[in-house]
N, C-alpha and C. Protein backbone atom coordinates (compact mmCIF):
# COMPACT_ATOMS: atom_id res chain seq x y z
N MET A 1 96.43 77.22 122.47
CA MET A 1 96.93 77.08 121.55
C MET A 1 96.90 78.56 120.97
N GLY A 2 97.80 79.23 120.79
CA GLY A 2 97.79 80.17 120.21
C GLY A 2 98.04 80.55 118.44
N ALA A 3 97.41 81.23 117.89
CA ALA A 3 97.37 81.50 116.16
C ALA A 3 98.68 81.47 115.69
N VAL A 4 98.10 81.03 115.14
CA VAL A 4 99.87 81.20 113.84
C VAL A 4 99.34 82.37 112.85
N ILE A 5 100.50 83.22 112.47
CA ILE A 5 100.72 83.72 112.24
C ILE A 5 101.61 84.12 110.74
N LYS A 6 100.70 84.05 109.19
CA LYS A 6 101.48 83.60 108.18
C LYS A 6 101.99 84.95 107.42
N PHE A 7 102.96 85.17 106.84
CA PHE A 7 103.64 86.23 106.42
C PHE A 7 102.99 86.54 104.91
N GLU A 8 103.53 87.75 105.15
CA GLU A 8 103.52 88.13 103.38
C GLU A 8 104.83 87.47 102.24
N GLU A 9 104.02 87.10 101.10
CA GLU A 9 105.36 86.44 100.83
C GLU A 9 106.17 87.64 100.12
N GLN A 10 107.50 87.44 100.15
CA GLN A 10 108.82 88.09 100.34
C GLN A 10 109.81 87.35 99.03
N SER A 11 110.01 88.38 98.46
CA SER A 11 110.76 87.75 97.46
C SER A 11 113.09 87.79 97.62
N ILE A 12 113.70 87.45 97.34
CA ILE A 12 114.89 87.43 98.32
C ILE A 12 115.33 88.67 97.90
N GLU A 13 115.14 89.19 96.88
CA GLU A 13 115.74 90.96 96.46
C GLU A 13 114.95 91.82 97.67
N ASP A 14 113.44 91.64 97.86
CA ASP A 14 112.95 92.38 98.89
C ASP A 14 114.02 92.24 100.02
N ALA A 15 114.18 91.30 100.89
CA ALA A 15 114.70 90.64 101.77
C ALA A 15 116.44 90.77 102.03
N PHE A 16 116.86 91.24 100.74
CA PHE A 16 118.21 91.23 100.59
C PHE A 16 118.88 92.43 99.64
N PRO A 17 118.11 93.77 99.98
CA PRO A 17 118.43 94.27 98.46
C PRO A 17 119.95 94.67 98.44
N ASP A 18 120.08 94.68 97.17
CA ASP A 18 121.55 94.79 96.77
C ASP A 18 122.29 96.61 96.71
N ILE A 19 122.68 96.74 97.87
CA ILE A 19 122.98 98.43 98.31
C ILE A 19 124.22 98.25 98.85
N ASP A 20 125.05 98.98 98.84
CA ASP A 20 127.03 99.45 99.22
C ASP A 20 126.52 99.47 100.64
N PRO A 21 127.14 98.94 101.14
CA PRO A 21 127.05 98.30 102.93
C PRO A 21 127.95 99.60 103.57
N GLY A 22 129.19 100.44 102.08
CA GLY A 22 129.76 101.47 103.34
C GLY A 22 131.29 100.61 103.80
N VAL A 23 131.29 99.19 103.91
CA VAL A 23 132.44 99.14 104.78
C VAL A 23 132.81 97.68 103.89
N GLU A 24 134.20 97.52 103.69
CA GLU A 24 134.98 96.37 103.35
C GLU A 24 135.44 95.89 104.99
N PRO A 25 135.42 94.86 104.80
CA PRO A 25 135.55 93.49 105.96
C PRO A 25 136.88 93.69 105.87
N LEU A 26 138.20 93.59 107.05
CA LEU A 26 139.69 93.34 106.82
C LEU A 26 139.63 91.95 108.14
N GLY A 27 140.67 91.60 107.37
CA GLY A 27 141.57 90.69 108.72
C GLY A 27 140.12 89.10 108.55
N ALA A 28 140.05 89.07 109.74
CA ALA A 28 139.04 87.56 109.19
C ALA A 28 138.20 87.85 109.83
N ARG A 29 137.74 88.90 109.27
CA ARG A 29 136.14 89.11 109.28
C ARG A 29 134.99 89.17 108.08
N VAL A 30 133.35 88.69 108.48
CA VAL A 30 133.05 88.15 107.54
C VAL A 30 131.82 89.80 107.49
N LEU A 31 131.48 90.26 106.32
CA LEU A 31 130.42 91.68 105.89
C LEU A 31 129.07 90.35 105.71
N VAL A 32 127.81 90.76 107.14
CA VAL A 32 126.56 89.99 106.33
C VAL A 32 125.87 91.30 106.47
N GLN A 33 124.66 90.93 105.41
CA GLN A 33 123.17 91.66 105.24
C GLN A 33 122.22 90.82 105.64
N VAL A 34 121.44 91.68 107.38
CA VAL A 34 120.49 91.02 107.67
C VAL A 34 118.92 90.83 106.86
N ARG A 35 118.08 89.69 106.90
CA ARG A 35 116.73 89.76 105.96
C ARG A 35 116.12 90.84 106.44
N GLN A 36 115.83 91.85 105.68
CA GLN A 36 114.66 92.91 106.06
C GLN A 36 113.50 92.47 106.53
N PRO A 37 113.05 93.32 107.63
CA PRO A 37 111.75 92.44 108.44
C PRO A 37 110.78 92.09 107.83
N ARG A 38 109.74 91.11 108.35
CA ARG A 38 108.45 91.51 107.01
C ARG A 38 107.41 92.25 107.86
N VAL A 39 106.86 93.10 107.08
CA VAL A 39 105.69 94.52 107.35
C VAL A 39 103.72 94.02 107.50
N GLN A 40 104.94 92.83 107.20
CA GLN A 40 102.52 92.62 106.77
C GLN A 40 102.44 91.00 106.93
N SER A 41 101.42 90.70 107.48
CA SER A 41 100.85 89.12 107.85
C SER A 41 100.16 89.20 106.20
N LYS A 42 100.64 87.45 105.69
CA LYS A 42 99.74 87.38 104.38
C LYS A 42 98.15 87.57 104.04
N GLY A 43 97.79 87.31 105.22
CA GLY A 43 96.45 88.02 105.14
C GLY A 43 95.98 89.65 104.95
N GLY A 44 96.96 90.45 105.14
CA GLY A 44 97.53 91.63 104.51
C GLY A 44 97.72 93.03 105.79
N ILE A 45 97.57 92.19 107.17
CA ILE A 45 97.48 92.97 108.31
C ILE A 45 98.78 93.29 108.28
N ARG A 46 99.21 94.80 108.67
CA ARG A 46 100.28 95.44 108.73
C ARG A 46 100.84 95.39 110.44
N PHE A 47 102.34 94.52 110.19
CA PHE A 47 102.52 94.76 112.14
C PHE A 47 102.53 96.02 112.38
N ALA A 48 103.28 96.37 113.76
CA ALA A 48 103.19 97.45 114.27
C ALA A 48 104.99 97.74 114.22
N ASP A 49 104.82 99.17 114.29
CA ASP A 49 106.23 99.75 113.33
C ASP A 49 107.07 98.96 114.55
N GLU A 50 106.57 99.10 115.93
CA GLU A 50 107.44 97.96 117.36
C GLU A 50 107.96 96.81 116.77
N THR A 51 107.18 96.12 116.14
CA THR A 51 107.10 94.29 116.39
C THR A 51 108.05 94.58 114.93
N ILE A 52 107.65 95.16 113.79
CA ILE A 52 109.35 95.43 112.36
C ILE A 52 110.18 95.59 113.16
N GLU A 53 110.28 96.68 114.26
CA GLU A 53 111.52 96.93 114.28
C GLU A 53 112.04 95.91 114.98
N ALA A 54 111.10 95.68 115.96
CA ALA A 54 112.54 93.94 116.53
C ALA A 54 112.78 93.17 115.32
N GLU A 55 111.98 92.41 114.79
CA GLU A 55 112.24 91.77 113.73
C GLU A 55 113.81 92.41 113.41
N LYS A 56 113.53 93.45 112.72
CA LYS A 56 114.74 93.70 111.77
C LYS A 56 116.24 93.16 113.04
N TRP A 57 116.03 93.81 114.22
CA TRP A 57 116.93 93.26 115.64
C TRP A 57 117.32 92.28 115.96
N THR A 58 116.54 91.38 115.64
CA THR A 58 116.41 90.46 116.38
C THR A 58 116.63 88.53 114.85
N THR A 59 116.52 88.94 113.80
CA THR A 59 116.87 88.34 112.81
C THR A 59 118.12 87.66 112.76
N GLN A 60 118.49 86.35 112.28
CA GLN A 60 119.83 85.95 112.86
C GLN A 60 120.11 85.54 111.44
N VAL A 61 119.20 85.63 110.14
CA VAL A 61 120.05 85.16 109.25
C VAL A 61 120.31 86.22 108.21
N GLY A 62 121.41 85.75 107.66
CA GLY A 62 121.71 87.40 106.20
C GLY A 62 122.74 86.45 105.24
N LEU A 63 122.49 87.00 104.56
CA LEU A 63 123.50 87.25 103.38
C LEU A 63 125.03 87.73 103.39
N VAL A 64 126.14 86.98 103.24
CA VAL A 64 127.32 86.75 103.17
C VAL A 64 127.74 87.73 101.67
N ARG A 65 128.25 89.25 102.29
CA ARG A 65 128.56 90.18 101.32
C ARG A 65 130.11 90.43 100.76
N ALA A 66 130.42 90.00 101.85
CA ALA A 66 132.09 90.07 101.18
C ALA A 66 132.80 89.53 102.71
N MET A 67 134.26 89.05 102.77
CA MET A 67 135.22 88.34 103.29
C MET A 67 136.50 89.33 103.52
N GLY A 68 137.00 89.30 104.81
CA GLY A 68 138.43 89.96 104.54
C GLY A 68 139.11 88.83 104.40
N PRO A 69 140.53 89.08 104.12
CA PRO A 69 141.71 88.57 103.21
C PRO A 69 141.92 87.47 104.24
N GLY A 70 141.61 87.39 105.41
CA GLY A 70 142.07 86.42 106.04
C GLY A 70 141.27 85.40 106.84
N ALA A 71 140.00 85.91 106.22
CA ALA A 71 138.79 85.05 106.71
C ALA A 71 139.03 83.06 106.44
N TYR A 72 138.83 82.48 107.68
CA TYR A 72 139.09 80.82 107.24
C TYR A 72 140.77 80.95 106.79
N ARG A 73 141.38 81.72 107.20
CA ARG A 73 143.00 80.80 106.75
C ARG A 73 143.51 81.01 108.41
N ASP A 74 144.81 80.86 108.07
CA ASP A 74 145.88 80.54 109.46
C ASP A 74 145.81 82.39 109.89
N ARG A 75 146.09 82.47 110.76
CA ARG A 75 146.29 83.92 111.45
C ARG A 75 148.13 84.20 111.11
N VAL A 76 148.60 82.72 111.14
CA VAL A 76 149.99 82.98 111.39
C VAL A 76 150.29 83.25 109.60
N THR A 77 150.39 82.27 109.08
CA THR A 77 150.44 81.69 107.85
C THR A 77 149.80 82.67 106.77
N ASN A 78 148.78 82.21 106.57
CA ASN A 78 147.74 82.94 105.60
C ASN A 78 147.78 81.66 104.86
N GLU A 79 147.57 80.76 105.22
CA GLU A 79 147.13 79.87 104.37
C GLU A 79 145.81 78.94 104.76
N GLU A 80 145.20 78.53 103.92
CA GLU A 80 143.63 78.86 104.29
C GLU A 80 143.61 77.19 104.74
N TRP A 81 142.57 77.12 106.17
CA TRP A 81 142.78 75.87 106.39
C TRP A 81 141.98 75.00 105.80
N PRO A 82 142.39 73.89 106.28
CA PRO A 82 142.57 72.45 105.53
C PRO A 82 140.89 71.98 106.00
N GLU A 83 139.99 72.43 106.58
CA GLU A 83 138.39 72.24 106.41
C GLU A 83 138.01 73.41 105.70
N ARG A 84 138.37 74.22 104.74
CA ARG A 84 138.26 75.04 103.55
C ARG A 84 137.70 76.31 104.79
N ALA A 85 137.23 77.22 103.96
CA ALA A 85 136.06 78.07 103.86
C ALA A 85 134.65 77.67 104.57
N TRP A 86 134.02 78.05 105.66
CA TRP A 86 132.69 77.39 105.86
C TRP A 86 132.00 77.61 105.11
N CYS A 87 132.31 79.98 104.43
CA CYS A 87 131.06 79.46 104.23
C CYS A 87 131.67 80.78 103.44
N LYS A 88 130.91 81.75 101.76
CA LYS A 88 131.59 81.73 100.88
C LYS A 88 130.57 83.00 100.57
N GLU A 89 130.79 84.36 100.08
CA GLU A 89 129.83 85.49 99.40
C GLU A 89 128.64 84.77 98.42
N GLY A 90 127.80 85.31 98.73
CA GLY A 90 126.50 84.88 98.21
C GLY A 90 125.93 83.98 99.04
N ASP A 91 126.43 83.21 100.30
CA ASP A 91 125.64 82.24 101.19
C ASP A 91 124.51 82.91 102.21
N PHE A 92 123.92 82.04 102.55
CA PHE A 92 123.43 82.50 103.73
C PHE A 92 123.34 82.10 104.72
N VAL A 93 123.58 82.33 105.85
CA VAL A 93 123.72 82.04 107.01
C VAL A 93 123.11 82.26 108.54
N ARG A 94 123.17 81.29 109.08
CA ARG A 94 123.22 81.79 110.56
C ARG A 94 123.81 82.98 111.51
N THR A 95 123.29 83.88 112.22
CA THR A 95 124.80 84.70 112.64
C THR A 95 123.96 84.46 114.46
N PRO A 96 124.61 84.71 115.20
CA PRO A 96 124.78 85.08 116.21
C PRO A 96 123.67 86.56 116.85
N LEU A 97 122.75 86.14 118.05
CA LEU A 97 121.88 87.27 118.20
C LEU A 97 122.52 88.43 118.20
N TYR A 98 123.56 87.85 119.41
CA TYR A 98 124.53 89.35 119.62
C TYR A 98 125.51 89.68 119.28
N GLY A 99 126.18 90.21 119.36
CA GLY A 99 128.03 90.88 119.18
C GLY A 99 128.02 91.30 117.04
N GLY A 100 128.96 91.40 116.83
CA GLY A 100 129.34 92.18 115.93
C GLY A 100 129.76 93.43 116.00
N ASP A 101 129.84 94.29 114.57
CA ASP A 101 129.53 95.93 114.60
C ASP A 101 128.12 95.88 113.69
N ARG A 102 127.14 96.35 113.86
CA ARG A 102 126.66 96.87 113.49
C ARG A 102 126.45 97.97 112.88
N TRP A 103 125.64 98.03 111.82
CA TRP A 103 125.06 99.90 111.22
C TRP A 103 123.99 99.22 110.15
N THR A 104 123.51 100.62 109.69
CA THR A 104 122.29 100.37 108.83
C THR A 104 123.03 101.65 107.66
N ARG A 105 122.29 101.02 106.51
CA ARG A 105 121.92 102.14 105.47
C ARG A 105 120.77 102.20 104.51
N PRO A 106 120.57 103.36 103.93
CA PRO A 106 119.38 103.91 103.16
C PRO A 106 118.75 102.71 102.52
N ILE A 107 117.82 102.15 102.12
CA ILE A 107 117.73 101.73 100.73
C ILE A 107 117.02 102.96 99.70
N PRO A 108 118.11 102.87 98.78
CA PRO A 108 116.77 104.12 96.97
C PRO A 108 115.77 103.73 97.38
N GLY A 109 115.00 104.84 97.35
CA GLY A 109 113.35 104.59 97.18
C GLY A 109 112.91 104.37 97.86
N THR A 110 113.22 104.31 98.88
CA THR A 110 112.23 103.76 100.00
C THR A 110 112.55 104.76 101.30
N THR A 111 112.01 104.32 102.36
CA THR A 111 112.15 104.94 104.10
C THR A 111 113.20 103.97 104.94
N ASP A 112 113.61 103.18 104.53
CA ASP A 112 113.78 101.57 104.82
C ASP A 112 115.11 101.75 104.98
N LYS A 113 116.20 100.71 105.95
CA LYS A 113 117.34 100.92 106.18
C LYS A 113 117.59 99.43 106.02
N ALA A 114 118.77 99.18 105.03
CA ALA A 114 119.31 97.72 105.35
C ALA A 114 120.56 97.85 106.94
N LEU A 115 120.45 96.71 107.38
CA LEU A 115 121.01 95.92 108.48
C LEU A 115 122.07 95.38 107.75
N PHE A 116 123.36 95.84 108.07
CA PHE A 116 124.59 94.72 108.13
C PHE A 116 126.05 94.67 109.74
N ILE A 117 126.43 93.68 109.39
CA ILE A 117 126.68 92.94 110.73
C ILE A 117 128.21 92.42 110.43
N VAL A 118 129.33 93.14 110.99
CA VAL A 118 130.47 92.61 110.74
C VAL A 118 130.90 91.51 112.06
N PHE A 119 131.09 89.89 111.62
CA PHE A 119 131.59 89.25 112.93
C PHE A 119 132.46 88.55 112.44
N ARG A 120 133.63 88.18 113.85
CA ARG A 120 134.87 87.43 112.98
C ARG A 120 134.32 86.15 112.34
N ASP A 121 134.91 85.24 111.96
CA ASP A 121 135.02 84.24 110.94
C ASP A 121 134.51 83.20 111.88
N LEU A 122 135.23 83.11 112.84
CA LEU A 122 134.22 81.99 114.26
C LEU A 122 132.65 82.24 114.72
N ASP A 123 132.84 83.22 114.38
CA ASP A 123 131.28 83.73 115.10
C ASP A 123 129.89 83.21 113.89
N ILE A 124 130.33 82.79 113.20
CA ILE A 124 129.38 82.32 112.38
C ILE A 124 129.03 81.41 112.68
N ILE A 125 127.64 81.18 112.60
CA ILE A 125 127.10 80.14 113.10
C ILE A 125 126.64 78.56 112.07
N GLY A 126 126.32 78.78 111.40
CA GLY A 126 126.11 77.87 110.17
C GLY A 126 125.94 78.51 109.10
N LYS A 127 125.57 77.71 108.47
CA LYS A 127 125.02 77.95 106.16
C LYS A 127 123.85 77.47 106.39
N VAL A 128 122.89 78.53 106.19
CA VAL A 128 121.56 78.23 105.77
C VAL A 128 121.05 77.13 105.11
N THR A 129 120.61 75.92 104.79
CA THR A 129 120.61 75.07 103.81
C THR A 129 119.26 74.93 102.66
N GLY A 130 117.84 75.53 103.98
CA GLY A 130 116.60 75.60 103.44
C GLY A 130 116.40 76.83 102.62
N ASP A 131 114.89 77.58 102.63
CA ASP A 131 114.89 79.14 102.30
C ASP A 131 115.49 79.89 103.30
N PRO A 132 115.81 80.99 102.86
CA PRO A 132 116.45 81.66 103.92
C PRO A 132 115.49 82.55 104.37
N LEU A 133 114.43 82.67 103.68
CA LEU A 133 113.05 83.57 103.44
C LEU A 133 112.19 82.64 104.93
N GLU A 134 112.19 81.37 105.25
CA GLU A 134 111.50 80.61 106.19
C GLU A 134 112.24 80.43 107.81
N SER A 135 113.49 80.45 107.56
CA SER A 135 114.49 80.29 108.69
C SER A 135 114.42 81.65 109.63
């Protein structure tokens, strides 16, 4: 049985810094900010840069930052779907590992960059109901 790695405590503000993504989604698209990777274990061991970078690009938990005007609406009439929107701005969601349009933006005061992805509304997998830092 392998060792269990415990991560450092990370706040929501650290995991999802409030920065301008520089893009406003159009049509039926949803803009998601991906959780920042953890950089060290709870015991204080710093992860290798490769590990941090891999986590950044493979994390599937994100924060909905914006939605296009056609998201979760009928594509012809623009009426809201009968089942309503599956998520809204401020929700934490699970996203596909691949797909979407991805880009990074610098986080002021750091050397880090935040990762943003735009998905089609139908590509959002689900709403995170537990702690988004544990997902």
